[in-house]
Amino acid sequence: MDDHDSVRAKVAQIFTEAFGERAALFKGGVPARAANDKLGVALAGELGPLVADEVAFHLVDWETDAAFLVAFMMFPERFTSAELQAAVDMFLVHVPAHVQTAARLAGYEVPNTFGESGAGVEHEAP
């Protein structure tokens, strides 16, 4: 088992311990589609049904990445440095484009508020 598989298994274990059967909702498939549909319906009044469905997809598709962040915040001691590096790699490859696309579809401008270095630039909340 490599570090990517190890961190996935550890997140699944933490969520199973915390949420029992509901932890399976983080594996995609029908439960993820149900969440996508519910979110799309909630956003449809403001964005229209087609854009709302796309925004919902971009927010729901990275549920396992979100689960990692929650599991890590609750139990940082359970992750090795190698697992954390693997999880951060997976997160940074998958999540930013989804969040940026969802924001743009919803009509938000997504400027680079942190500058080239990513540090030291103050920003205001919307």
N, C-alpha and C. Protein backbone atom coordinates (compact mmCIF):
# COMPACT_ATOMS: atom_id res chain seq x y z
N MET A 1 0.87 -1.18 0.00
CA MET A 1 0.00 0.00 0.00
C MET A 1 0.91 1.24 0.00
N ASP A 2 0.69 2.15 -0.95
CA ASP A 2 1.49 3.37 -0.97
C ASP A 2 0.85 4.42 -0.06
N ASP A 3 1.51 5.58 0.07
CA ASP A 3 1.03 6.63 0.97
C ASP A 3 -0.33 7.18 0.56
N HIS A 4 -0.61 7.23 -0.74
CA HIS A 4 -1.91 7.70 -1.22
C HIS A 4 -3.03 6.75 -0.75
N ASP A 5 -2.79 5.45 -0.93
CA ASP A 5 -3.78 4.46 -0.47
C ASP A 5 -3.91 4.47 1.05
N SER A 6 -2.79 4.65 1.72
CA SER A 6 -2.78 4.64 3.18
C SER A 6 -3.60 5.80 3.74
N VAL A 7 -3.42 6.99 3.18
CA VAL A 7 -4.18 8.14 3.70
C VAL A 7 -5.66 7.99 3.38
N ARG A 8 -5.99 7.45 2.22
CA ARG A 8 -7.41 7.21 1.89
C ARG A 8 -8.04 6.24 2.89
N ALA A 9 -7.31 5.16 3.19
CA ALA A 9 -7.82 4.16 4.14
C ALA A 9 -7.97 4.75 5.53
N LYS A 10 -7.01 5.58 5.93
CA LYS A 10 -7.06 6.18 7.26
C LYS A 10 -8.24 7.15 7.38
N VAL A 11 -8.48 7.95 6.35
CA VAL A 11 -9.63 8.87 6.36
C VAL A 11 -10.92 8.07 6.42
N ALA A 12 -11.02 7.01 5.64
CA ALA A 12 -12.22 6.17 5.66
C ALA A 12 -12.43 5.57 7.04
N GLN A 13 -11.36 5.12 7.69
CA GLN A 13 -11.46 4.55 9.03
C GLN A 13 -11.95 5.60 10.04
N ILE A 14 -11.38 6.79 9.98
CA ILE A 14 -11.79 7.87 10.90
C ILE A 14 -13.25 8.21 10.70
N PHE A 15 -13.68 8.34 9.46
CA PHE A 15 -15.08 8.67 9.20
C PHE A 15 -16.02 7.54 9.59
N THR A 16 -15.59 6.30 9.41
CA THR A 16 -16.42 5.16 9.82
C THR A 16 -16.56 5.15 11.34
N GLU A 17 -15.47 5.40 12.05
CA GLU A 17 -15.53 5.48 13.51
C GLU A 17 -16.47 6.59 13.97
N ALA A 18 -16.43 7.71 13.29
CA ALA A 18 -17.21 8.88 13.70
C ALA A 18 -18.66 8.82 13.25
N PHE A 19 -18.90 8.31 12.05
CA PHE A 19 -20.22 8.42 11.44
C PHE A 19 -20.86 7.08 11.06
N GLY A 20 -20.20 5.99 11.33
CA GLY A 20 -20.77 4.68 11.02
C GLY A 20 -21.07 4.52 9.54
N GLU A 21 -22.25 4.01 9.24
CA GLU A 21 -22.66 3.74 7.86
C GLU A 21 -22.66 4.99 6.98
N ARG A 22 -22.90 6.15 7.58
CA ARG A 22 -22.96 7.38 6.78
C ARG A 22 -21.60 7.75 6.18
N ALA A 23 -20.53 7.18 6.68
CA ALA A 23 -19.20 7.44 6.12
C ALA A 23 -19.13 7.00 4.67
N ALA A 24 -19.94 6.04 4.28
CA ALA A 24 -19.96 5.56 2.89
C ALA A 24 -20.42 6.64 1.92
N LEU A 25 -21.04 7.70 2.42
CA LEU A 25 -21.47 8.80 1.55
C LEU A 25 -20.30 9.49 0.88
N PHE A 26 -19.10 9.34 1.43
CA PHE A 26 -17.92 9.97 0.85
C PHE A 26 -17.26 9.15 -0.24
N LYS A 27 -17.94 8.16 -0.73
CA LYS A 27 -17.36 7.31 -1.78
C LYS A 27 -17.97 7.58 -3.14
N GLY A 28 -18.70 8.66 -3.30
CA GLY A 28 -19.28 8.97 -4.59
C GLY A 28 -20.51 8.13 -4.87
N GLY A 29 -20.82 7.97 -6.15
CA GLY A 29 -21.97 7.17 -6.55
C GLY A 29 -23.29 7.85 -6.24
N VAL A 30 -24.29 7.07 -5.90
CA VAL A 30 -25.65 7.56 -5.68
C VAL A 30 -25.72 8.61 -4.57
N PRO A 31 -25.06 8.41 -3.40
CA PRO A 31 -25.14 9.44 -2.36
C PRO A 31 -24.57 10.78 -2.81
N ALA A 32 -23.45 10.76 -3.53
CA ALA A 32 -22.87 12.00 -4.02
C ALA A 32 -23.80 12.67 -5.03
N ARG A 33 -24.43 11.88 -5.87
CA ARG A 33 -25.37 12.44 -6.85
C ARG A 33 -26.57 13.06 -6.14
N ALA A 34 -27.04 12.44 -5.06
CA ALA A 34 -28.16 13.00 -4.30
C ALA A 34 -27.77 14.35 -3.68
N ALA A 35 -26.55 14.43 -3.16
CA ALA A 35 -26.07 15.70 -2.60
C ALA A 35 -25.94 16.75 -3.70
N ASN A 36 -25.40 16.34 -4.84
CA ASN A 36 -25.26 17.23 -5.99
C ASN A 36 -26.62 17.76 -6.42
N ASP A 37 -27.61 16.87 -6.52
CA ASP A 37 -28.95 17.27 -6.95
C ASP A 37 -29.59 18.24 -5.95
N LYS A 38 -29.47 17.95 -4.66
CA LYS A 38 -30.06 18.82 -3.64
C LYS A 38 -29.43 20.20 -3.67
N LEU A 39 -28.11 20.25 -3.79
CA LEU A 39 -27.42 21.54 -3.87
C LEU A 39 -27.79 22.28 -5.15
N GLY A 40 -27.88 21.56 -6.26
CA GLY A 40 -28.28 22.19 -7.52
C GLY A 40 -29.66 22.81 -7.44
N VAL A 41 -30.59 22.11 -6.82
CA VAL A 41 -31.95 22.64 -6.65
C VAL A 41 -31.92 23.89 -5.78
N ALA A 42 -31.13 23.86 -4.71
CA ALA A 42 -31.05 25.01 -3.80
C ALA A 42 -30.47 26.25 -4.50
N LEU A 43 -29.56 26.04 -5.44
CA LEU A 43 -28.92 27.16 -6.13
C LEU A 43 -29.65 27.59 -7.40
N ALA A 44 -30.58 26.78 -7.88
CA ALA A 44 -31.23 27.01 -9.17
C ALA A 44 -32.00 28.32 -9.23
N GLY A 45 -32.60 28.73 -8.13
CA GLY A 45 -33.37 29.97 -8.14
C GLY A 45 -32.52 31.18 -8.47
N GLU A 46 -31.30 31.17 -8.01
CA GLU A 46 -30.40 32.30 -8.26
C GLU A 46 -29.57 32.15 -9.53
N LEU A 47 -29.18 30.92 -9.84
CA LEU A 47 -28.25 30.70 -10.95
C LEU A 47 -28.88 30.09 -12.20
N GLY A 48 -30.09 29.59 -12.07
CA GLY A 48 -30.70 28.84 -13.16
C GLY A 48 -30.28 27.39 -13.03
N PRO A 49 -31.11 26.45 -13.51
CA PRO A 49 -30.87 25.03 -13.25
C PRO A 49 -29.58 24.47 -13.85
N LEU A 50 -29.21 24.86 -15.05
CA LEU A 50 -28.01 24.28 -15.67
C LEU A 50 -26.73 24.74 -14.98
N VAL A 51 -26.61 26.04 -14.73
CA VAL A 51 -25.42 26.56 -14.05
C VAL A 51 -25.39 26.05 -12.61
N ALA A 52 -26.54 26.02 -11.96
CA ALA A 52 -26.60 25.52 -10.58
C ALA A 52 -26.12 24.08 -10.50
N ASP A 53 -26.49 23.26 -11.47
CA ASP A 53 -26.05 21.87 -11.47
C ASP A 53 -24.54 21.78 -11.65
N GLU A 54 -23.97 22.62 -12.50
CA GLU A 54 -22.52 22.62 -12.70
C GLU A 54 -21.80 23.09 -11.45
N VAL A 55 -22.30 24.16 -10.80
CA VAL A 55 -21.70 24.64 -9.57
C VAL A 55 -21.75 23.53 -8.51
N ALA A 56 -22.90 22.89 -8.39
CA ALA A 56 -23.05 21.81 -7.41
C ALA A 56 -22.03 20.70 -7.68
N PHE A 57 -21.89 20.30 -8.94
CA PHE A 57 -20.91 19.27 -9.28
C PHE A 57 -19.51 19.67 -8.81
N HIS A 58 -19.11 20.90 -9.10
CA HIS A 58 -17.77 21.35 -8.75
C HIS A 58 -17.56 21.47 -7.24
N LEU A 59 -18.63 21.60 -6.48
CA LEU A 59 -18.51 21.65 -5.03
C LEU A 59 -18.59 20.27 -4.38
N VAL A 60 -19.26 19.33 -5.03
CA VAL A 60 -19.45 18.00 -4.45
C VAL A 60 -18.36 17.02 -4.89
N ASP A 61 -17.77 17.22 -6.04
CA ASP A 61 -16.85 16.24 -6.61
C ASP A 61 -15.62 15.98 -5.75
N TRP A 62 -15.23 16.91 -4.91
CA TRP A 62 -14.03 16.73 -4.10
C TRP A 62 -14.34 16.39 -2.64
N GLU A 63 -15.44 15.64 -2.45
CA GLU A 63 -15.87 15.29 -1.09
C GLU A 63 -14.83 14.48 -0.33
N THR A 64 -14.09 13.61 -1.00
CA THR A 64 -13.08 12.83 -0.28
C THR A 64 -11.90 13.71 0.13
N ASP A 65 -11.61 14.73 -0.64
CA ASP A 65 -10.56 15.69 -0.27
C ASP A 65 -10.99 16.49 0.96
N ALA A 66 -12.26 16.88 0.99
CA ALA A 66 -12.80 17.58 2.15
C ALA A 66 -12.78 16.67 3.38
N ALA A 67 -13.09 15.41 3.17
CA ALA A 67 -13.07 14.45 4.28
C ALA A 67 -11.67 14.34 4.87
N PHE A 68 -10.65 14.36 4.00
CA PHE A 68 -9.28 14.33 4.51
C PHE A 68 -9.02 15.52 5.43
N LEU A 69 -9.40 16.72 4.98
CA LEU A 69 -9.14 17.91 5.81
C LEU A 69 -9.81 17.80 7.17
N VAL A 70 -11.06 17.34 7.19
CA VAL A 70 -11.78 17.20 8.46
C VAL A 70 -11.10 16.14 9.33
N ALA A 71 -10.79 14.99 8.75
CA ALA A 71 -10.14 13.93 9.52
C ALA A 71 -8.80 14.39 10.08
N PHE A 72 -8.04 15.10 9.27
CA PHE A 72 -6.74 15.60 9.73
C PHE A 72 -6.90 16.63 10.84
N MET A 73 -7.85 17.54 10.70
CA MET A 73 -8.05 18.56 11.74
C MET A 73 -8.47 17.93 13.07
N MET A 74 -9.23 16.86 12.99
CA MET A 74 -9.71 16.20 14.21
C MET A 74 -8.65 15.27 14.82
N PHE A 75 -7.85 14.63 13.98
CA PHE A 75 -6.88 13.64 14.45
C PHE A 75 -5.52 13.80 13.76
N PRO A 76 -4.86 14.93 13.90
CA PRO A 76 -3.58 15.12 13.19
C PRO A 76 -2.52 14.09 13.57
N GLU A 77 -2.60 13.59 14.79
CA GLU A 77 -1.60 12.63 15.26
C GLU A 77 -1.68 11.28 14.56
N ARG A 78 -2.76 11.02 13.86
CA ARG A 78 -2.94 9.72 13.20
C ARG A 78 -2.32 9.65 11.81
N PHE A 79 -1.79 10.76 11.33
CA PHE A 79 -1.23 10.80 9.98
C PHE A 79 0.28 10.94 10.02
N THR A 80 0.94 10.18 9.16
CA THR A 80 2.40 10.30 9.03
C THR A 80 2.72 11.48 8.11
N SER A 81 3.96 11.91 8.15
CA SER A 81 4.40 12.98 7.25
C SER A 81 4.24 12.57 5.79
N ALA A 82 4.55 11.33 5.48
CA ALA A 82 4.42 10.85 4.10
C ALA A 82 2.96 10.84 3.65
N GLU A 83 2.05 10.44 4.55
CA GLU A 83 0.62 10.46 4.22
C GLU A 83 0.13 11.88 4.01
N LEU A 84 0.61 12.80 4.84
CA LEU A 84 0.19 14.20 4.70
C LEU A 84 0.68 14.77 3.37
N GLN A 85 1.90 14.46 2.99
CA GLN A 85 2.41 14.93 1.70
C GLN A 85 1.57 14.37 0.56
N ALA A 86 1.23 13.10 0.62
CA ALA A 86 0.40 12.47 -0.41
C ALA A 86 -0.98 13.12 -0.46
N ALA A 87 -1.58 13.35 0.70
CA ALA A 87 -2.92 13.94 0.76
C ALA A 87 -2.92 15.37 0.23
N VAL A 88 -1.91 16.14 0.60
CA VAL A 88 -1.81 17.52 0.10
C VAL A 88 -1.63 17.52 -1.41
N ASP A 89 -0.81 16.61 -1.92
CA ASP A 89 -0.64 16.51 -3.37
C ASP A 89 -1.97 16.22 -4.05
N MET A 90 -2.71 15.23 -3.52
CA MET A 90 -4.01 14.88 -4.11
C MET A 90 -4.97 16.07 -4.05
N PHE A 91 -5.00 16.75 -2.91
CA PHE A 91 -5.88 17.89 -2.72
C PHE A 91 -5.56 19.01 -3.71
N LEU A 92 -4.29 19.38 -3.79
CA LEU A 92 -3.90 20.52 -4.63
C LEU A 92 -4.05 20.24 -6.12
N VAL A 93 -3.98 18.99 -6.51
CA VAL A 93 -4.19 18.62 -7.91
C VAL A 93 -5.67 18.66 -8.25
N HIS A 94 -6.53 18.33 -7.30
CA HIS A 94 -7.95 18.12 -7.60
C HIS A 94 -8.86 19.30 -7.25
N VAL A 95 -8.65 19.91 -6.10
CA VAL A 95 -9.64 20.84 -5.54
C VAL A 95 -9.62 22.25 -6.14
N PRO A 96 -8.48 22.90 -6.29
CA PRO A 96 -8.50 24.32 -6.69
C PRO A 96 -9.27 24.62 -7.97
N ALA A 97 -9.11 23.81 -8.99
CA ALA A 97 -9.82 24.07 -10.24
C ALA A 97 -11.33 23.96 -10.05
N HIS A 98 -11.77 22.99 -9.22
CA HIS A 98 -13.20 22.85 -8.95
C HIS A 98 -13.75 24.09 -8.23
N VAL A 99 -13.03 24.56 -7.21
CA VAL A 99 -13.51 25.71 -6.44
C VAL A 99 -13.50 26.96 -7.30
N GLN A 100 -12.44 27.16 -8.04
CA GLN A 100 -12.34 28.33 -8.90
C GLN A 100 -13.44 28.32 -9.97
N THR A 101 -13.68 27.18 -10.57
CA THR A 101 -14.72 27.08 -11.59
C THR A 101 -16.10 27.32 -11.00
N ALA A 102 -16.37 26.74 -9.82
CA ALA A 102 -17.67 26.97 -9.16
C ALA A 102 -17.88 28.44 -8.87
N ALA A 103 -16.86 29.10 -8.36
CA ALA A 103 -16.97 30.53 -8.05
C ALA A 103 -17.25 31.34 -9.31
N ARG A 104 -16.53 31.07 -10.35
CA ARG A 104 -16.73 31.82 -11.61
C ARG A 104 -18.11 31.56 -12.20
N LEU A 105 -18.54 30.30 -12.19
CA LEU A 105 -19.88 29.99 -12.69
C LEU A 105 -20.96 30.72 -11.89
N ALA A 106 -20.72 30.88 -10.60
CA ALA A 106 -21.69 31.56 -9.73
C ALA A 106 -21.58 33.08 -9.81
N GLY A 107 -20.66 33.57 -10.64
CA GLY A 107 -20.57 35.01 -10.87
C GLY A 107 -19.55 35.74 -10.01
N TYR A 108 -18.70 35.00 -9.32
CA TYR A 108 -17.68 35.64 -8.49
C TYR A 108 -16.39 35.80 -9.27
N GLU A 109 -15.74 36.93 -9.09
CA GLU A 109 -14.42 37.13 -9.66
C GLU A 109 -13.44 36.42 -8.74
N VAL A 110 -12.47 35.74 -9.32
CA VAL A 110 -11.51 35.00 -8.51
C VAL A 110 -10.11 35.56 -8.77
N PRO A 111 -9.80 36.69 -8.13
CA PRO A 111 -8.47 37.27 -8.32
C PRO A 111 -7.43 36.53 -7.49
N ASN A 112 -6.18 36.70 -7.83
CA ASN A 112 -5.09 36.14 -7.05
C ASN A 112 -4.80 37.12 -5.91
N THR A 113 -5.54 36.99 -4.82
CA THR A 113 -5.44 37.95 -3.71
C THR A 113 -4.17 37.80 -2.90
N PHE A 114 -3.46 36.71 -3.06
CA PHE A 114 -2.26 36.49 -2.26
C PHE A 114 -0.98 36.83 -3.02
N GLY A 115 -1.08 37.27 -4.26
CA GLY A 115 0.11 37.62 -5.04
C GLY A 115 0.87 36.38 -5.48
N GLU A 116 1.98 36.60 -6.13
CA GLU A 116 2.78 35.51 -6.68
C GLU A 116 3.34 34.60 -5.59
N SER A 117 3.79 35.18 -4.48
CA SER A 117 4.41 34.37 -3.44
C SER A 117 3.38 33.63 -2.61
N GLY A 118 2.12 34.11 -2.61
CA GLY A 118 1.07 33.47 -1.83
C GLY A 118 1.07 33.86 -0.37
N ALA A 119 1.92 34.79 0.00
CA ALA A 119 1.99 35.17 1.42
C ALA A 119 2.09 36.68 1.56
N GLY A 120 1.65 37.15 2.69
CA GLY A 120 1.87 38.53 3.04
C GLY A 120 0.92 39.56 2.44
N VAL A 121 -0.01 39.14 1.66
CA VAL A 121 -0.95 40.08 1.06
C VAL A 121 -2.26 40.00 1.83
N GLU A 122 -2.69 41.10 2.36
CA GLU A 122 -3.96 41.11 3.07
C GLU A 122 -5.08 41.11 2.07
N HIS A 123 -6.21 40.52 2.46
CA HIS A 123 -7.37 40.51 1.61
C HIS A 123 -8.60 40.70 2.45
N GLU A 124 -9.64 41.20 1.80
CA GLU A 124 -10.90 41.45 2.49
C GLU A 124 -11.89 40.35 2.16
N ALA A 125 -12.74 40.05 3.12
CA ALA A 125 -13.83 39.10 2.86
C ALA A 125 -14.83 39.74 1.92
N PRO A 126 -15.51 38.91 1.10
CA PRO A 126 -16.49 39.49 0.16
C PRO A 126 -17.67 40.09 0.87
